[in-house]
N, C-alpha and C. Protein backbone atom coordinates (compact mmCIF):
# COMPACT_ATOMS: atom_id res chain seq x y z
N MET A 1 -42.22 8.12 -72.13
CA MET A 1 -41.66 8.16 -70.88
C MET A 1 -40.25 8.47 -71.02
N SER A 2 -39.66 9.47 -70.32
CA SER A 2 -38.28 10.04 -70.42
C SER A 2 -37.27 8.77 -70.26
N GLY A 3 -36.21 9.08 -70.98
CA GLY A 3 -35.18 7.95 -70.83
C GLY A 3 -34.57 7.79 -69.45
N GLU A 4 -34.41 8.93 -68.57
CA GLU A 4 -33.92 8.91 -67.30
C GLU A 4 -34.96 8.03 -66.35
N VAL A 5 -36.20 8.07 -66.46
CA VAL A 5 -37.15 7.28 -65.71
C VAL A 5 -37.04 5.87 -66.08
N VAL A 6 -36.99 5.59 -67.34
CA VAL A 6 -36.89 4.20 -67.85
C VAL A 6 -35.45 3.61 -67.24
N ALA A 7 -34.46 4.38 -67.33
CA ALA A 7 -33.14 3.87 -66.96
C ALA A 7 -33.11 3.60 -65.35
N ASN A 8 -33.71 4.47 -64.64
CA ASN A 8 -33.98 4.38 -63.17
C ASN A 8 -34.76 2.98 -62.88
N ARG A 9 -35.70 2.62 -63.61
CA ARG A 9 -36.51 1.43 -63.42
C ARG A 9 -35.76 0.10 -63.71
N TYR A 10 -35.04 0.15 -64.73
CA TYR A 10 -33.95 -0.88 -65.00
C TYR A 10 -33.05 -1.07 -63.95
N ALA A 11 -32.48 0.04 -63.58
CA ALA A 11 -31.35 -0.09 -62.42
C ALA A 11 -32.02 -0.44 -61.20
N ASP A 12 -33.34 0.11 -60.83
CA ASP A 12 -34.00 -0.48 -59.60
C ASP A 12 -34.15 -1.98 -59.59
N ALA A 13 -34.54 -2.51 -60.73
CA ALA A 13 -34.83 -3.96 -60.94
C ALA A 13 -33.59 -4.79 -60.85
N LEU A 14 -32.54 -4.24 -61.45
CA LEU A 14 -31.26 -4.98 -61.45
C LEU A 14 -30.71 -5.02 -60.06
N PHE A 15 -30.83 -3.89 -59.34
CA PHE A 15 -30.21 -3.91 -58.06
C PHE A 15 -31.21 -4.82 -57.09
N ALA A 16 -32.47 -4.88 -57.12
CA ALA A 16 -33.28 -5.82 -56.24
C ALA A 16 -32.76 -7.37 -56.71
N ILE A 17 -32.76 -7.58 -57.90
CA ILE A 17 -32.22 -9.10 -58.33
C ILE A 17 -30.90 -9.29 -57.58
N ALA A 18 -29.90 -8.42 -57.85
CA ALA A 18 -28.52 -8.60 -57.47
C ALA A 18 -28.47 -8.56 -55.92
N ASN A 19 -29.31 -7.80 -55.18
CA ASN A 19 -29.33 -7.77 -53.85
C ASN A 19 -29.94 -9.18 -53.29
N GLU A 20 -30.84 -9.55 -53.96
CA GLU A 20 -31.57 -10.81 -53.47
C GLU A 20 -30.55 -11.95 -53.74
N GLN A 21 -29.73 -11.93 -54.80
CA GLN A 21 -28.79 -12.94 -55.12
C GLN A 21 -27.44 -12.82 -54.33
N GLY A 22 -27.36 -11.61 -53.53
CA GLY A 22 -26.05 -11.29 -52.90
C GLY A 22 -24.90 -10.96 -53.81
N LYS A 23 -25.23 -10.33 -55.00
CA LYS A 23 -24.30 -10.16 -56.08
C LYS A 23 -24.23 -8.68 -56.38
N THR A 24 -24.54 -7.75 -55.56
CA THR A 24 -24.45 -6.47 -55.96
C THR A 24 -23.13 -5.72 -56.34
N GLU A 25 -22.15 -6.27 -55.68
CA GLU A 25 -20.68 -5.93 -55.89
C GLU A 25 -20.21 -6.33 -57.32
N GLN A 26 -20.52 -7.68 -57.56
CA GLN A 26 -20.21 -8.39 -58.77
C GLN A 26 -20.89 -7.69 -60.03
N LEU A 27 -22.17 -7.24 -59.85
CA LEU A 27 -22.73 -6.63 -60.92
C LEU A 27 -22.21 -5.09 -61.07
N MET A 28 -21.80 -4.53 -59.97
CA MET A 28 -21.15 -3.22 -59.93
C MET A 28 -19.88 -3.23 -60.86
N GLU A 29 -19.17 -4.30 -60.59
CA GLU A 29 -17.81 -4.36 -61.15
C GLU A 29 -18.03 -4.65 -62.77
N GLU A 30 -19.14 -5.39 -63.08
CA GLU A 30 -19.30 -5.72 -64.46
C GLU A 30 -19.84 -4.45 -65.16
N PHE A 31 -20.65 -3.67 -64.33
CA PHE A 31 -21.13 -2.24 -64.88
C PHE A 31 -20.00 -1.38 -65.11
N GLU A 32 -19.07 -1.38 -64.22
CA GLU A 32 -17.86 -0.53 -64.45
C GLU A 32 -17.17 -0.81 -65.63
N VAL A 33 -16.93 -2.00 -65.96
CA VAL A 33 -16.19 -2.38 -67.13
C VAL A 33 -17.13 -2.18 -68.47
N LEU A 34 -18.32 -2.40 -68.34
CA LEU A 34 -19.45 -2.16 -69.41
C LEU A 34 -19.23 -0.61 -69.73
N ASP A 35 -19.27 0.15 -68.61
CA ASP A 35 -19.43 1.68 -68.77
C ASP A 35 -18.07 2.19 -69.67
N GLU A 36 -16.89 1.55 -69.21
CA GLU A 36 -15.70 1.75 -69.88
C GLU A 36 -15.78 1.40 -71.45
N ILE A 37 -16.21 0.26 -71.68
CA ILE A 37 -16.35 -0.27 -73.00
C ILE A 37 -17.24 0.61 -73.68
N PHE A 38 -18.43 0.98 -73.42
CA PHE A 38 -19.22 2.01 -74.13
C PHE A 38 -18.70 3.30 -74.25
N ARG A 39 -17.82 3.92 -73.31
CA ARG A 39 -17.27 5.09 -73.38
C ARG A 39 -16.25 5.17 -74.41
N SER A 40 -15.37 4.05 -74.44
CA SER A 40 -14.36 4.00 -75.41
C SER A 40 -14.46 3.46 -76.84
N ASN A 41 -15.78 2.98 -77.07
CA ASN A 41 -16.00 2.36 -78.35
C ASN A 41 -17.35 3.04 -78.86
N LYS A 42 -17.36 4.23 -79.42
CA LYS A 42 -18.50 4.76 -79.80
C LYS A 42 -19.17 3.86 -81.12
N GLU A 43 -18.31 3.13 -81.75
CA GLU A 43 -18.70 2.43 -82.98
C GLU A 43 -19.92 1.31 -82.29
N LEU A 44 -19.67 0.79 -81.11
CA LEU A 44 -20.39 -0.30 -80.50
C LEU A 44 -21.84 0.31 -80.31
N ASN A 45 -22.05 1.47 -79.80
CA ASN A 45 -23.30 2.10 -79.82
C ASN A 45 -23.94 2.34 -81.03
N ALA A 46 -23.21 2.77 -82.12
CA ALA A 46 -23.58 2.92 -83.44
C ALA A 46 -24.16 1.58 -84.16
N PHE A 47 -23.35 0.51 -83.71
CA PHE A 47 -23.73 -0.88 -84.18
C PHE A 47 -25.10 -1.32 -83.62
N LEU A 48 -25.21 -1.12 -82.23
CA LEU A 48 -26.30 -1.65 -81.66
C LEU A 48 -27.56 -0.73 -81.89
N GLU A 49 -27.42 0.41 -82.52
CA GLU A 49 -28.65 1.30 -82.86
C GLU A 49 -28.78 1.35 -84.29
N HIS A 50 -28.11 0.54 -85.09
CA HIS A 50 -28.25 0.83 -86.53
C HIS A 50 -29.35 -0.08 -86.97
N PRO A 51 -30.25 0.62 -87.85
CA PRO A 51 -31.44 -0.03 -88.14
C PRO A 51 -31.36 -1.10 -89.07
N ARG A 52 -30.32 -1.14 -89.86
CA ARG A 52 -30.21 -2.28 -90.89
C ARG A 52 -29.71 -3.59 -90.38
N VAL A 53 -29.06 -3.66 -88.91
CA VAL A 53 -28.45 -4.83 -88.32
C VAL A 53 -29.71 -5.30 -87.61
N SER A 54 -30.07 -6.71 -87.92
CA SER A 54 -31.05 -7.37 -87.34
C SER A 54 -30.88 -7.54 -85.68
N ASN A 55 -31.99 -7.41 -85.09
CA ASN A 55 -31.80 -7.74 -83.36
C ASN A 55 -31.30 -9.07 -83.20
N THR A 56 -31.42 -9.97 -83.96
CA THR A 56 -30.88 -11.31 -83.80
C THR A 56 -29.29 -11.20 -84.00
N ARG A 57 -29.03 -10.59 -84.95
CA ARG A 57 -27.35 -10.37 -85.08
C ARG A 57 -26.95 -9.51 -83.96
N LYS A 58 -27.58 -8.61 -83.45
CA LYS A 58 -27.04 -7.65 -82.25
C LYS A 58 -26.89 -8.52 -81.09
N LYS A 59 -27.94 -9.33 -80.77
CA LYS A 59 -28.02 -10.17 -79.49
C LYS A 59 -26.91 -11.25 -79.65
N GLN A 60 -26.67 -11.83 -80.84
CA GLN A 60 -25.52 -12.69 -81.02
C GLN A 60 -24.24 -12.10 -80.63
N PHE A 61 -24.05 -11.01 -81.25
CA PHE A 61 -22.77 -10.07 -80.92
C PHE A 61 -22.60 -9.82 -79.45
N LEU A 62 -23.60 -9.46 -78.77
CA LEU A 62 -23.56 -9.33 -77.34
C LEU A 62 -23.24 -10.57 -76.62
N ASP A 63 -23.73 -11.71 -77.11
CA ASP A 63 -23.43 -13.08 -76.44
C ASP A 63 -21.78 -13.33 -76.64
N GLU A 64 -21.36 -13.06 -77.78
CA GLU A 64 -20.04 -13.26 -78.17
C GLU A 64 -19.17 -12.30 -77.35
N VAL A 65 -19.46 -11.11 -77.30
CA VAL A 65 -18.56 -10.06 -76.73
C VAL A 65 -18.52 -10.00 -75.24
N PHE A 66 -19.87 -10.21 -74.73
CA PHE A 66 -19.90 -10.07 -73.24
C PHE A 66 -20.11 -11.44 -72.62
N ASN A 67 -19.36 -12.42 -73.10
CA ASN A 67 -19.42 -13.83 -72.68
C ASN A 67 -19.22 -14.05 -71.32
N ASP A 68 -18.36 -13.35 -70.67
CA ASP A 68 -17.86 -13.40 -69.28
C ASP A 68 -18.81 -12.74 -68.33
N PHE A 69 -19.74 -11.86 -68.81
CA PHE A 69 -20.58 -11.24 -67.86
C PHE A 69 -21.80 -12.05 -67.42
N SER A 70 -22.43 -11.67 -66.46
CA SER A 70 -23.41 -12.35 -65.64
C SER A 70 -24.66 -12.50 -66.75
N ALA A 71 -25.61 -13.34 -66.39
CA ALA A 71 -26.83 -13.59 -67.29
C ALA A 71 -27.65 -12.21 -67.11
N ASN A 72 -27.67 -11.68 -65.86
CA ASN A 72 -28.50 -10.47 -65.62
C ASN A 72 -28.04 -9.28 -66.58
N VAL A 73 -26.85 -9.09 -66.73
CA VAL A 73 -26.26 -8.08 -67.54
C VAL A 73 -26.47 -8.38 -68.86
N LYS A 74 -26.22 -9.48 -69.51
CA LYS A 74 -26.41 -9.76 -70.87
C LYS A 74 -27.92 -9.72 -71.24
N ASN A 75 -28.67 -10.32 -70.44
CA ASN A 75 -30.13 -10.23 -70.69
C ASN A 75 -30.77 -8.90 -70.80
N THR A 76 -30.23 -7.96 -69.93
CA THR A 76 -30.47 -6.55 -69.86
C THR A 76 -30.19 -5.84 -71.16
N LEU A 77 -28.93 -6.10 -71.49
CA LEU A 77 -28.52 -5.59 -72.84
C LEU A 77 -29.32 -5.98 -73.99
N LYS A 78 -29.76 -7.24 -73.99
CA LYS A 78 -30.62 -7.78 -75.14
C LYS A 78 -31.96 -7.20 -74.94
N ILE A 79 -32.51 -6.86 -74.00
CA ILE A 79 -33.84 -6.32 -73.81
C ILE A 79 -33.61 -4.88 -74.21
N LEU A 80 -32.55 -4.14 -73.98
CA LEU A 80 -32.31 -2.69 -74.30
C LEU A 80 -32.17 -2.72 -75.98
N VAL A 81 -31.53 -3.76 -76.41
CA VAL A 81 -31.46 -3.64 -78.05
C VAL A 81 -32.72 -3.92 -78.57
N GLU A 82 -33.49 -5.04 -78.02
CA GLU A 82 -34.80 -5.27 -78.54
C GLU A 82 -35.85 -4.05 -78.55
N ARG A 83 -35.77 -3.14 -77.53
CA ARG A 83 -36.61 -2.07 -77.33
C ARG A 83 -35.96 -0.74 -77.84
N HIS A 84 -34.90 -0.93 -78.51
CA HIS A 84 -34.24 0.21 -79.00
C HIS A 84 -33.87 1.30 -78.06
N ARG A 85 -33.26 0.85 -76.83
CA ARG A 85 -33.03 1.77 -75.84
C ARG A 85 -31.48 1.76 -75.21
N THR A 86 -30.59 1.37 -76.27
CA THR A 86 -29.17 1.32 -75.67
C THR A 86 -28.67 2.59 -75.35
N GLU A 87 -29.19 3.71 -75.80
CA GLU A 87 -28.62 5.05 -75.34
C GLU A 87 -28.80 5.33 -73.77
N ILE A 88 -29.61 4.33 -73.09
CA ILE A 88 -29.72 4.78 -71.64
C ILE A 88 -28.78 3.83 -70.74
N ILE A 89 -28.04 3.15 -71.38
CA ILE A 89 -27.11 2.21 -70.70
C ILE A 89 -26.29 3.17 -69.74
N PRO A 90 -25.51 4.19 -70.03
CA PRO A 90 -24.90 4.93 -69.01
C PRO A 90 -25.75 5.43 -67.95
N SER A 91 -26.93 5.69 -68.07
CA SER A 91 -27.84 6.20 -67.07
C SER A 91 -28.25 5.12 -66.10
N ILE A 92 -28.43 3.86 -66.69
CA ILE A 92 -28.68 2.62 -65.88
C ILE A 92 -27.49 2.39 -64.86
N ILE A 93 -26.38 2.42 -65.47
CA ILE A 93 -25.10 2.16 -64.75
C ILE A 93 -24.98 3.32 -63.66
N ASN A 94 -25.19 4.64 -63.85
CA ASN A 94 -25.09 5.61 -62.89
C ASN A 94 -26.07 5.49 -61.72
N HIS A 95 -27.33 5.06 -62.21
CA HIS A 95 -28.32 4.96 -61.03
C HIS A 95 -28.01 3.71 -60.14
N TYR A 96 -27.56 2.63 -60.80
CA TYR A 96 -27.20 1.39 -60.14
C TYR A 96 -26.01 1.69 -59.08
N ALA A 97 -25.28 2.35 -59.57
CA ALA A 97 -24.00 2.81 -58.65
C ALA A 97 -24.42 3.71 -57.55
N LYS A 98 -25.54 4.55 -57.74
CA LYS A 98 -26.13 5.28 -56.65
C LYS A 98 -26.64 4.45 -55.75
N LEU A 99 -27.42 3.56 -56.14
CA LEU A 99 -28.35 2.60 -55.23
C LEU A 99 -27.24 1.74 -54.49
N VAL A 100 -26.11 1.31 -55.11
CA VAL A 100 -25.14 0.51 -54.29
C VAL A 100 -24.56 1.26 -53.23
N ASN A 101 -24.11 2.54 -53.64
CA ASN A 101 -23.49 3.53 -52.64
C ASN A 101 -24.47 3.88 -51.59
N ASP A 102 -25.76 3.99 -51.70
CA ASP A 102 -26.77 4.31 -50.79
C ASP A 102 -26.89 3.25 -49.89
N ALA A 103 -26.88 1.91 -50.37
CA ALA A 103 -27.01 0.82 -49.52
C ALA A 103 -25.81 0.59 -48.66
N LYS A 104 -24.43 1.19 -49.01
CA LYS A 104 -23.39 1.24 -48.26
C LYS A 104 -23.18 2.34 -47.32
N GLY A 105 -24.09 3.33 -47.53
CA GLY A 105 -23.93 4.55 -46.62
C GLY A 105 -22.82 5.41 -47.20
N ILE A 106 -22.60 5.39 -48.62
CA ILE A 106 -21.61 6.22 -49.26
C ILE A 106 -22.41 7.25 -50.12
N ALA A 107 -21.81 8.45 -49.98
CA ALA A 107 -22.33 9.69 -50.93
C ALA A 107 -21.15 9.93 -51.86
N GLU A 108 -21.62 10.35 -52.99
CA GLU A 108 -20.48 10.81 -53.89
C GLU A 108 -20.73 12.41 -54.07
N ALA A 109 -19.67 13.26 -54.08
CA ALA A 109 -19.73 14.54 -54.10
C ALA A 109 -18.71 15.20 -54.95
N THR A 110 -18.94 16.34 -55.51
CA THR A 110 -17.84 17.01 -56.35
C THR A 110 -17.62 18.41 -55.60
N VAL A 111 -16.27 18.61 -55.40
CA VAL A 111 -15.81 19.95 -54.74
C VAL A 111 -15.15 20.77 -55.80
N TYR A 112 -15.67 22.07 -55.93
CA TYR A 112 -15.07 22.92 -56.85
C TYR A 112 -14.36 24.12 -56.07
N SER A 113 -12.98 24.21 -56.46
CA SER A 113 -12.17 25.02 -55.66
C SER A 113 -11.25 25.98 -56.70
N ALA A 114 -10.60 26.96 -56.24
CA ALA A 114 -9.71 27.68 -57.17
C ALA A 114 -8.43 27.18 -57.39
N ARG A 115 -8.12 26.16 -56.45
CA ARG A 115 -6.77 25.50 -56.61
C ARG A 115 -7.01 24.06 -56.16
N GLU A 116 -6.06 23.18 -56.52
CA GLU A 116 -6.03 21.75 -56.22
C GLU A 116 -6.09 21.66 -54.58
N LEU A 117 -6.95 20.99 -53.93
CA LEU A 117 -7.05 20.73 -52.57
C LEU A 117 -6.03 19.62 -52.17
N SER A 118 -5.39 20.00 -50.96
CA SER A 118 -4.50 19.07 -50.39
C SER A 118 -5.31 17.72 -49.85
N GLU A 119 -4.52 16.70 -49.75
CA GLU A 119 -5.17 15.38 -49.23
C GLU A 119 -5.87 15.73 -47.89
N ALA A 120 -5.23 16.49 -47.04
CA ALA A 120 -5.84 16.80 -45.62
C ALA A 120 -7.00 17.66 -45.79
N GLU A 121 -7.08 18.58 -46.72
CA GLU A 121 -8.33 19.38 -46.95
C GLU A 121 -9.47 18.64 -47.41
N LYS A 122 -9.06 17.67 -48.33
CA LYS A 122 -10.04 16.81 -48.98
C LYS A 122 -10.66 15.81 -47.82
N GLU A 123 -9.69 15.16 -46.96
CA GLU A 123 -10.15 14.46 -45.92
C GLU A 123 -11.18 15.18 -44.96
N GLN A 124 -10.62 16.27 -44.69
CA GLN A 124 -11.64 17.07 -43.72
C GLN A 124 -12.99 17.45 -44.24
N LEU A 125 -13.10 17.82 -45.52
CA LEU A 125 -14.25 17.95 -46.14
C LEU A 125 -15.09 16.56 -46.20
N GLU A 126 -14.43 15.43 -46.60
CA GLU A 126 -15.17 14.19 -46.48
C GLU A 126 -15.76 13.89 -45.20
N LYS A 127 -15.00 14.15 -44.15
CA LYS A 127 -15.63 13.84 -42.77
C LYS A 127 -16.59 14.76 -42.26
N THR A 128 -16.57 16.12 -42.68
CA THR A 128 -17.61 17.21 -42.47
C THR A 128 -18.86 16.70 -43.18
N PHE A 129 -18.79 16.43 -44.50
CA PHE A 129 -19.97 16.15 -45.20
C PHE A 129 -20.49 14.82 -44.82
N ALA A 130 -19.77 13.78 -44.44
CA ALA A 130 -20.28 12.48 -44.15
C ALA A 130 -21.17 12.71 -42.87
N LYS A 131 -20.73 13.53 -41.93
CA LYS A 131 -21.33 13.84 -40.66
C LYS A 131 -22.76 14.57 -41.05
N ARG A 132 -22.68 15.50 -41.86
CA ARG A 132 -23.63 16.63 -42.26
C ARG A 132 -24.83 15.80 -43.11
N LEU A 133 -24.37 14.78 -43.78
CA LEU A 133 -25.33 13.99 -44.77
C LEU A 133 -25.80 12.73 -44.13
N ASN A 134 -25.27 12.42 -42.88
CA ASN A 134 -25.56 11.12 -42.10
C ASN A 134 -25.10 10.00 -43.01
N LYS A 135 -23.87 9.91 -43.46
CA LYS A 135 -23.35 8.84 -44.31
C LYS A 135 -22.15 8.26 -43.56
N GLN A 136 -21.81 7.17 -43.99
CA GLN A 136 -20.51 6.55 -43.42
C GLN A 136 -19.38 7.16 -44.04
N THR A 137 -19.38 7.46 -45.38
CA THR A 137 -18.33 7.87 -46.14
C THR A 137 -18.90 8.94 -47.30
N VAL A 138 -17.98 9.87 -47.49
CA VAL A 138 -18.39 10.69 -48.70
C VAL A 138 -17.09 10.67 -49.56
N LYS A 139 -17.37 10.28 -50.83
CA LYS A 139 -16.19 10.18 -51.80
C LYS A 139 -16.31 11.51 -52.48
N LEU A 140 -15.10 12.23 -52.47
CA LEU A 140 -15.07 13.58 -53.17
C LEU A 140 -14.16 13.60 -54.51
N GLU A 141 -14.69 14.16 -55.47
CA GLU A 141 -13.93 14.45 -56.62
C GLU A 141 -13.81 15.88 -56.71
N SER A 142 -12.41 16.30 -56.85
CA SER A 142 -12.08 17.60 -56.78
C SER A 142 -11.94 18.17 -58.09
N VAL A 143 -12.41 19.40 -58.29
CA VAL A 143 -12.31 20.01 -59.58
C VAL A 143 -11.93 21.42 -59.48
N VAL A 144 -10.85 21.74 -60.22
CA VAL A 144 -10.28 23.24 -60.05
C VAL A 144 -11.24 24.01 -60.89
N ASP A 145 -11.72 25.14 -60.52
CA ASP A 145 -12.61 25.96 -61.24
C ASP A 145 -12.15 27.45 -60.97
N PRO A 146 -11.47 28.08 -62.11
CA PRO A 146 -10.98 29.33 -61.96
C PRO A 146 -11.98 30.39 -61.64
N SER A 147 -13.28 30.10 -61.86
CA SER A 147 -14.36 31.12 -61.63
C SER A 147 -14.62 31.15 -60.12
N VAL A 148 -14.13 30.27 -59.35
CA VAL A 148 -14.14 30.23 -57.79
C VAL A 148 -12.97 31.00 -57.29
N LEU A 149 -13.20 32.32 -56.68
CA LEU A 149 -12.18 33.09 -56.24
C LEU A 149 -11.56 32.75 -55.08
N GLY A 150 -12.32 32.08 -54.17
CA GLY A 150 -12.06 31.66 -52.79
C GLY A 150 -13.01 30.71 -52.28
N GLY A 151 -12.69 30.00 -51.37
CA GLY A 151 -13.72 29.05 -50.71
C GLY A 151 -13.84 27.83 -51.60
N VAL A 152 -15.02 26.98 -51.30
CA VAL A 152 -15.23 25.91 -52.02
C VAL A 152 -16.82 25.81 -52.21
N LYS A 153 -17.19 25.07 -53.31
CA LYS A 153 -18.60 24.76 -53.53
C LYS A 153 -18.57 23.26 -53.62
N VAL A 154 -19.45 22.75 -52.91
CA VAL A 154 -19.75 21.18 -53.06
C VAL A 154 -20.93 20.83 -53.49
N ARG A 155 -21.06 19.82 -54.43
CA ARG A 155 -22.12 19.37 -55.00
C ARG A 155 -22.39 17.99 -54.63
N VAL A 156 -23.53 17.68 -54.00
CA VAL A 156 -23.91 16.32 -53.44
C VAL A 156 -25.26 15.98 -54.21
N GLY A 157 -25.29 15.31 -55.21
CA GLY A 157 -26.54 14.92 -55.89
C GLY A 157 -27.08 16.28 -56.57
N ASN A 158 -28.28 16.57 -56.05
CA ASN A 158 -28.97 17.83 -56.52
C ASN A 158 -28.65 18.94 -55.67
N SER A 159 -28.02 18.75 -54.54
CA SER A 159 -27.81 19.83 -53.64
C SER A 159 -26.29 20.56 -53.76
N ILE A 160 -26.44 21.89 -53.58
CA ILE A 160 -25.07 22.54 -53.82
C ILE A 160 -24.85 23.27 -52.30
N TYR A 161 -23.74 22.98 -51.82
CA TYR A 161 -23.38 23.88 -50.53
C TYR A 161 -22.25 24.78 -51.12
N ASP A 162 -22.55 26.05 -51.04
CA ASP A 162 -21.85 27.13 -51.62
C ASP A 162 -21.16 27.87 -50.53
N GLY A 163 -19.77 27.68 -50.36
CA GLY A 163 -19.06 28.34 -49.41
C GLY A 163 -18.01 29.20 -50.14
N THR A 164 -18.30 29.54 -51.29
CA THR A 164 -17.29 30.52 -52.01
C THR A 164 -17.54 31.93 -51.64
N ILE A 165 -16.44 32.67 -51.97
CA ILE A 165 -16.56 34.09 -51.53
C ILE A 165 -17.80 34.79 -52.45
N SER A 166 -17.82 34.45 -53.72
CA SER A 166 -18.85 35.16 -54.44
C SER A 166 -20.27 34.70 -54.04
N GLY A 167 -20.35 33.36 -53.64
CA GLY A 167 -21.66 32.98 -52.96
C GLY A 167 -22.09 33.77 -51.74
N LYS A 168 -21.18 33.90 -50.89
CA LYS A 168 -21.29 34.73 -49.61
C LYS A 168 -21.50 36.15 -49.81
N LEU A 169 -21.00 36.70 -50.96
CA LEU A 169 -21.21 38.05 -51.35
C LEU A 169 -22.71 38.04 -51.83
N GLN A 170 -23.17 37.12 -52.74
CA GLN A 170 -24.50 37.24 -53.16
C GLN A 170 -25.53 37.15 -52.11
N ARG A 171 -25.37 36.30 -51.02
CA ARG A 171 -26.21 36.12 -50.05
C ARG A 171 -26.30 37.49 -49.17
N LEU A 172 -25.09 38.01 -48.96
CA LEU A 172 -25.06 39.43 -48.19
C LEU A 172 -25.69 40.42 -49.12
N GLU A 173 -25.70 40.33 -50.21
CA GLU A 173 -26.36 41.32 -51.14
C GLU A 173 -27.94 41.11 -51.01
N ARG A 174 -28.31 40.02 -50.97
CA ARG A 174 -29.69 39.59 -50.92
C ARG A 174 -30.33 40.12 -49.59
N ASN A 175 -29.41 39.82 -48.45
CA ASN A 175 -29.86 40.06 -47.14
C ASN A 175 -29.82 41.81 -47.16
N ILE A 176 -29.05 42.40 -47.61
CA ILE A 176 -29.03 43.95 -47.55
C ILE A 176 -30.30 44.40 -48.54
N GLY A 177 -30.65 43.80 -49.62
CA GLY A 177 -31.75 44.10 -50.37
C GLY A 177 -33.05 44.00 -49.74
N ILE A 178 -33.14 42.96 -48.80
CA ILE A 178 -34.24 42.69 -47.96
C ILE A 178 -34.33 43.80 -46.90
N ALA A 179 -33.39 44.22 -46.39
CA ALA A 179 -33.40 45.14 -45.25
C ALA A 179 -34.02 46.46 -45.69
N ASN A 180 -33.56 46.91 -46.83
CA ASN A 180 -34.03 48.29 -47.36
C ASN A 180 -35.46 48.21 -47.71
């Protein structure tokens, strides 16, 4: 089974448990800290995946390091260590965040433009896409992409809304090609 599918199952289960306990936000905060820890400490993942370190020692280490974390997070980490699946932790965190945002009516998007967008432009895009996607809020991450000559391209999940000049020219070219 692919790592992404497995990660999604863990995230779904954690979300269901946290939602039942009314702790979705608390778990999200813990996951944000956990994500930062794993991103900034490459040695941590190497330690947790090392074949010569016993699972007992790894679990003991997790108990000591993540002492302040909830039992749900610690137990999930221990299960992942036991099943040699610690590499999927970032995917679990990402999917869990998406579930929390979906429950709140929030969508995350990335906007690509030739220059840095002003706050007013970002705000307008957020409002437009919130309405278009039927969400309460859209959180935009702005990325300056020199390959974009003009206009913007917005990515929401697997969907891309291309309003760039090159995208419009490509659509025009396809339409002209169909007409001939």
